[in-house]
């Protein structure tokens, strides 16, 4: 099987993708994980051989209306993830597969 370039996006990478990401990396695939910077730094030893990229984002203001606060957080997370993905594209990265948990806006 040819080596694949696989991108995981999860704010708490590897999250529920731990065993899948670890197995793919052990098989020799190029695995990249994108997540929230402080979470990525805590998780870096869980999936050896994986490139980890973190993002920071501005949290919604506490004064925001409660009905839109979560929406704003998801939009801000999505924008932060987009910036990391744009940087990867600029480097010439082209994932063969993207695995993402969409529950947080990433």
N, C-alpha and C. Protein backbone atom coordinates (compact mmCIF):
# COMPACT_ATOMS: atom_id res chain seq x y z
N UNK A 1 0.84 -1.17 0.00
CA UNK A 1 0.00 0.00 0.00
C UNK A 1 0.89 1.24 0.00
N UNK A 2 0.59 2.21 -0.86
CA UNK A 2 1.42 3.42 -0.89
C UNK A 2 1.23 4.26 0.38
N UNK A 3 2.26 5.01 0.69
CA UNK A 3 2.19 5.91 1.84
C UNK A 3 1.22 7.04 1.54
N UNK A 4 0.37 7.33 2.49
CA UNK A 4 -0.63 8.39 2.36
C UNK A 4 -0.30 9.55 3.28
N UNK A 5 -0.77 10.73 2.88
CA UNK A 5 -0.64 11.94 3.66
C UNK A 5 -2.00 12.19 4.31
N UNK A 6 -2.09 12.03 5.64
CA UNK A 6 -3.37 12.07 6.33
C UNK A 6 -3.36 13.21 7.35
N UNK A 7 -4.40 14.02 7.28
CA UNK A 7 -4.55 15.18 8.17
C UNK A 7 -5.72 14.94 9.11
N UNK A 8 -5.46 15.08 10.41
CA UNK A 8 -6.51 15.00 11.43
C UNK A 8 -6.72 16.39 11.99
N UNK A 9 -7.98 16.78 12.15
CA UNK A 9 -8.32 18.07 12.74
C UNK A 9 -9.26 17.82 13.91
N UNK A 10 -8.78 18.16 15.10
CA UNK A 10 -9.57 17.96 16.33
C UNK A 10 -8.98 18.91 17.37
N UNK A 11 -9.81 19.71 18.04
CA UNK A 11 -9.23 20.67 18.99
C UNK A 11 -8.42 20.02 20.10
N UNK A 12 -8.74 18.78 20.43
CA UNK A 12 -8.01 18.04 21.46
C UNK A 12 -7.25 16.87 20.83
N UNK A 13 -6.68 17.09 19.65
CA UNK A 13 -6.02 16.00 18.94
C UNK A 13 -5.10 15.25 19.87
N UNK A 14 -5.15 13.92 19.85
CA UNK A 14 -5.84 13.07 18.90
C UNK A 14 -7.30 12.77 19.24
N UNK A 15 -7.72 13.09 20.47
CA UNK A 15 -9.12 12.85 20.84
C UNK A 15 -9.52 11.42 20.53
N UNK A 16 -10.71 11.24 19.98
CA UNK A 16 -11.18 9.88 19.69
C UNK A 16 -10.46 9.26 18.50
N UNK A 17 -9.57 9.99 17.86
CA UNK A 17 -8.80 9.45 16.74
C UNK A 17 -7.46 8.86 17.17
N UNK A 18 -7.22 8.76 18.47
CA UNK A 18 -5.93 8.30 18.99
C UNK A 18 -5.47 7.01 18.34
N UNK A 19 -6.27 5.96 18.42
CA UNK A 19 -5.83 4.65 17.93
C UNK A 19 -5.68 4.63 16.42
N UNK A 20 -6.55 5.31 15.71
CA UNK A 20 -6.46 5.38 14.25
C UNK A 20 -5.20 6.14 13.83
N UNK A 21 -4.98 7.31 14.43
CA UNK A 21 -3.80 8.11 14.07
C UNK A 21 -2.51 7.37 14.41
N UNK A 22 -2.47 6.75 15.58
CA UNK A 22 -1.28 6.00 16.00
C UNK A 22 -1.01 4.84 15.05
N UNK A 23 -2.04 4.10 14.69
CA UNK A 23 -1.88 2.95 13.79
C UNK A 23 -1.40 3.40 12.41
N UNK A 24 -1.98 4.46 11.89
CA UNK A 24 -1.57 4.96 10.57
C UNK A 24 -0.11 5.44 10.59
N UNK A 25 0.28 6.12 11.66
CA UNK A 25 1.67 6.58 11.78
C UNK A 25 2.62 5.38 11.87
N UNK A 26 2.23 4.36 12.63
CA UNK A 26 3.07 3.16 12.76
C UNK A 26 3.21 2.42 11.44
N UNK A 27 2.20 2.53 10.58
CA UNK A 27 2.25 1.89 9.27
C UNK A 27 3.10 2.68 8.27
N UNK A 28 3.59 3.84 8.70
CA UNK A 28 4.47 4.62 7.84
C UNK A 28 3.79 5.75 7.09
N UNK A 29 2.52 5.97 7.33
CA UNK A 29 1.83 7.08 6.68
C UNK A 29 2.27 8.40 7.32
N UNK A 30 2.20 9.46 6.55
CA UNK A 30 2.53 10.79 7.05
C UNK A 30 1.27 11.33 7.72
N UNK A 31 1.30 11.46 9.05
CA UNK A 31 0.14 11.89 9.82
C UNK A 31 0.42 13.27 10.40
N UNK A 32 -0.51 14.18 10.18
CA UNK A 32 -0.45 15.52 10.73
C UNK A 32 -1.70 15.75 11.56
N UNK A 33 -1.53 16.35 12.73
CA UNK A 33 -2.66 16.68 13.59
C UNK A 33 -2.72 18.17 13.83
N UNK A 34 -3.91 18.74 13.66
CA UNK A 34 -4.14 20.15 13.95
C UNK A 34 -5.10 20.23 15.12
N UNK A 35 -4.80 21.09 16.10
CA UNK A 35 -5.68 21.27 17.24
C UNK A 35 -5.32 22.53 18.00
N UNK A 36 -6.08 22.78 19.04
CA UNK A 36 -5.82 23.95 19.88
C UNK A 36 -4.43 23.82 20.50
N UNK A 37 -3.64 24.87 20.43
CA UNK A 37 -2.23 24.84 20.80
C UNK A 37 -1.99 24.25 22.19
N UNK A 38 -2.69 24.71 23.19
CA UNK A 38 -2.42 24.20 24.55
C UNK A 38 -2.76 22.72 24.67
N UNK A 39 -3.75 22.25 23.94
CA UNK A 39 -4.10 20.82 23.96
C UNK A 39 -3.07 19.99 23.20
N UNK A 40 -2.65 20.48 22.06
CA UNK A 40 -1.65 19.79 21.23
C UNK A 40 -0.36 19.59 22.02
N UNK A 41 0.06 20.60 22.74
CA UNK A 41 1.31 20.51 23.49
C UNK A 41 1.23 19.45 24.57
N UNK A 42 0.06 19.27 25.18
CA UNK A 42 -0.11 18.24 26.21
C UNK A 42 -0.18 16.84 25.62
N UNK A 43 -0.61 16.72 24.37
CA UNK A 43 -0.86 15.42 23.76
C UNK A 43 0.28 14.91 22.88
N UNK A 44 1.35 15.68 22.74
CA UNK A 44 2.36 15.37 21.72
C UNK A 44 3.01 13.99 21.82
N UNK A 45 3.05 13.40 22.99
CA UNK A 45 3.69 12.10 23.12
C UNK A 45 2.75 10.93 22.79
N UNK A 46 1.48 11.20 22.58
CA UNK A 46 0.50 10.12 22.37
C UNK A 46 0.60 9.46 21.01
N UNK A 47 1.03 10.22 20.00
CA UNK A 47 1.10 9.67 18.65
C UNK A 47 2.50 9.95 18.09
N UNK A 48 3.46 9.11 18.43
CA UNK A 48 4.83 9.32 17.94
C UNK A 48 4.89 9.35 16.41
N UNK A 49 5.76 10.19 15.90
CA UNK A 49 5.94 10.27 14.46
C UNK A 49 4.92 11.14 13.75
N UNK A 50 4.13 11.87 14.52
CA UNK A 50 3.08 12.71 13.95
C UNK A 50 3.51 14.17 14.02
N UNK A 51 3.25 14.89 12.95
CA UNK A 51 3.49 16.33 12.94
C UNK A 51 2.28 17.00 13.60
N UNK A 52 2.52 17.81 14.62
CA UNK A 52 1.44 18.46 15.34
C UNK A 52 1.50 19.97 15.11
N UNK A 53 0.37 20.54 14.74
CA UNK A 53 0.27 21.97 14.50
C UNK A 53 -0.85 22.52 15.36
N UNK A 54 -0.55 23.56 16.11
CA UNK A 54 -1.54 24.14 17.01
C UNK A 54 -1.97 25.52 16.58
N UNK A 55 -3.16 25.88 17.01
CA UNK A 55 -3.67 27.22 16.76
C UNK A 55 -4.12 27.84 18.07
N UNK A 56 -4.09 29.15 18.10
CA UNK A 56 -4.67 29.93 19.19
C UNK A 56 -5.83 30.70 18.58
N UNK A 57 -6.82 30.97 19.40
CA UNK A 57 -7.93 31.78 18.91
C UNK A 57 -8.48 32.61 20.05
N UNK A 58 -9.09 33.71 19.69
CA UNK A 58 -9.70 34.60 20.68
C UNK A 58 -11.02 33.99 21.12
N UNK A 59 -11.19 33.85 22.41
CA UNK A 59 -12.45 33.36 22.96
C UNK A 59 -13.52 34.45 22.84
N UNK A 60 -14.77 34.05 22.70
CA UNK A 60 -15.83 35.06 22.65
C UNK A 60 -15.87 35.89 23.93
N UNK A 61 -16.31 37.12 23.79
CA UNK A 61 -16.44 37.99 24.95
C UNK A 61 -17.53 37.44 25.87
N UNK A 62 -17.29 37.53 27.16
CA UNK A 62 -18.30 37.06 28.12
C UNK A 62 -19.58 37.87 28.02
N UNK A 63 -19.45 39.08 27.49
CA UNK A 63 -20.63 39.94 27.37
C UNK A 63 -21.49 39.59 26.15
N UNK A 64 -21.01 38.68 25.31
CA UNK A 64 -21.78 38.29 24.13
C UNK A 64 -23.09 37.64 24.57
N UNK A 65 -24.08 37.79 23.77
CA UNK A 65 -25.38 37.18 24.08
C UNK A 65 -25.20 35.67 24.19
N UNK A 66 -25.77 35.04 25.21
CA UNK A 66 -25.57 33.61 25.41
C UNK A 66 -25.99 32.74 24.22
N UNK A 67 -26.95 33.21 23.44
CA UNK A 67 -27.41 32.40 22.31
C UNK A 67 -26.44 32.42 21.13
N UNK A 68 -25.52 33.36 21.12
CA UNK A 68 -24.56 33.42 20.00
C UNK A 68 -23.13 33.14 20.44
N UNK A 69 -22.90 33.02 21.73
CA UNK A 69 -21.53 32.83 22.23
C UNK A 69 -20.90 31.56 21.66
N UNK A 70 -21.64 30.46 21.67
CA UNK A 70 -21.10 29.20 21.16
C UNK A 70 -20.87 29.28 19.65
N UNK A 71 -21.79 29.90 18.94
CA UNK A 71 -21.63 30.09 17.50
C UNK A 71 -20.37 30.90 17.20
N UNK A 72 -20.16 31.96 17.97
CA UNK A 72 -18.96 32.78 17.77
C UNK A 72 -17.70 31.98 18.05
N UNK A 73 -17.70 31.18 19.12
CA UNK A 73 -16.53 30.36 19.43
C UNK A 73 -16.22 29.40 18.28
N UNK A 74 -17.25 28.77 17.74
CA UNK A 74 -17.05 27.84 16.62
C UNK A 74 -16.51 28.57 15.39
N UNK A 75 -17.03 29.75 15.11
CA UNK A 75 -16.54 30.52 13.96
C UNK A 75 -15.07 30.92 14.16
N UNK A 76 -14.72 31.34 15.36
CA UNK A 76 -13.33 31.74 15.64
C UNK A 76 -12.39 30.54 15.56
N UNK A 77 -12.82 29.40 16.05
CA UNK A 77 -12.03 28.17 15.94
C UNK A 77 -11.84 27.78 14.48
N UNK A 78 -12.92 27.88 13.72
CA UNK A 78 -12.86 27.56 12.29
C UNK A 78 -11.87 28.45 11.56
N UNK A 79 -11.89 29.74 11.88
CA UNK A 79 -10.95 30.67 11.24
C UNK A 79 -9.50 30.33 11.61
N UNK A 80 -9.28 29.98 12.86
CA UNK A 80 -7.92 29.62 13.30
C UNK A 80 -7.44 28.36 12.57
N UNK A 81 -8.33 27.39 12.43
CA UNK A 81 -7.99 26.16 11.72
C UNK A 81 -7.70 26.45 10.25
N UNK A 82 -8.50 27.32 9.67
CA UNK A 82 -8.29 27.70 8.27
C UNK A 82 -6.91 28.32 8.06
N UNK A 83 -6.48 29.15 9.00
CA UNK A 83 -5.14 29.77 8.87
C UNK A 83 -4.04 28.70 8.87
N UNK A 84 -4.17 27.69 9.73
CA UNK A 84 -3.17 26.61 9.77
C UNK A 84 -3.21 25.83 8.46
N UNK A 85 -4.41 25.53 7.97
CA UNK A 85 -4.53 24.78 6.71
C UNK A 85 -3.98 25.58 5.53
N UNK A 86 -4.20 26.89 5.53
CA UNK A 86 -3.66 27.74 4.46
C UNK A 86 -2.13 27.73 4.48
N UNK A 87 -1.55 27.73 5.68
CA UNK A 87 -0.09 27.66 5.80
C UNK A 87 0.42 26.32 5.27
N UNK A 88 -0.29 25.24 5.57
CA UNK A 88 0.10 23.92 5.05
C UNK A 88 0.04 23.92 3.51
N UNK A 89 -1.02 24.49 2.98
CA UNK A 89 -1.16 24.55 1.52
C UNK A 89 -0.01 25.35 0.90
N UNK A 90 0.36 26.43 1.56
CA UNK A 90 1.46 27.26 1.06
C UNK A 90 2.78 26.48 1.06
N UNK A 91 2.93 25.54 2.00
CA UNK A 91 4.12 24.68 2.07
C UNK A 91 4.08 23.59 1.00
N UNK A 92 2.94 23.47 0.33
CA UNK A 92 2.81 22.45 -0.70
C UNK A 92 2.15 21.17 -0.22
N UNK A 93 1.64 21.18 1.01
CA UNK A 93 0.98 19.99 1.56
C UNK A 93 -0.35 19.76 0.87
N UNK A 94 -0.60 18.50 0.51
CA UNK A 94 -1.87 18.11 -0.10
C UNK A 94 -2.30 16.78 0.52
N UNK A 95 -3.14 16.83 1.56
CA UNK A 95 -3.54 15.57 2.20
C UNK A 95 -4.32 14.67 1.25
N UNK A 96 -4.09 13.38 1.38
CA UNK A 96 -4.89 12.39 0.64
C UNK A 96 -6.21 12.16 1.35
N UNK A 97 -6.21 12.37 2.66
CA UNK A 97 -7.40 12.15 3.47
C UNK A 97 -7.41 13.16 4.61
N UNK A 98 -8.58 13.75 4.87
CA UNK A 98 -8.74 14.65 6.00
C UNK A 98 -9.81 14.07 6.90
N UNK A 99 -9.45 13.88 8.18
CA UNK A 99 -10.38 13.35 9.17
C UNK A 99 -10.61 14.46 10.19
N UNK A 100 -11.86 14.84 10.38
CA UNK A 100 -12.14 16.00 11.23
C UNK A 100 -13.35 15.74 12.13
N UNK A 101 -13.27 16.29 13.34
CA UNK A 101 -14.43 16.30 14.23
C UNK A 101 -15.00 17.71 14.14
N UNK A 102 -16.20 17.81 13.63
CA UNK A 102 -16.77 19.14 13.35
C UNK A 102 -17.51 19.75 14.53
N UNK A 103 -17.57 19.08 15.65
CA UNK A 103 -18.37 19.53 16.77
C UNK A 103 -17.94 20.84 17.42
N UNK A 104 -16.74 21.32 17.14
CA UNK A 104 -16.25 22.55 17.75
C UNK A 104 -16.02 23.66 16.73
N UNK A 105 -16.36 23.43 15.50
CA UNK A 105 -16.20 24.46 14.50
C UNK A 105 -14.94 24.33 13.66
N UNK A 106 -14.04 23.44 14.06
CA UNK A 106 -12.80 23.28 13.30
C UNK A 106 -13.11 22.79 11.91
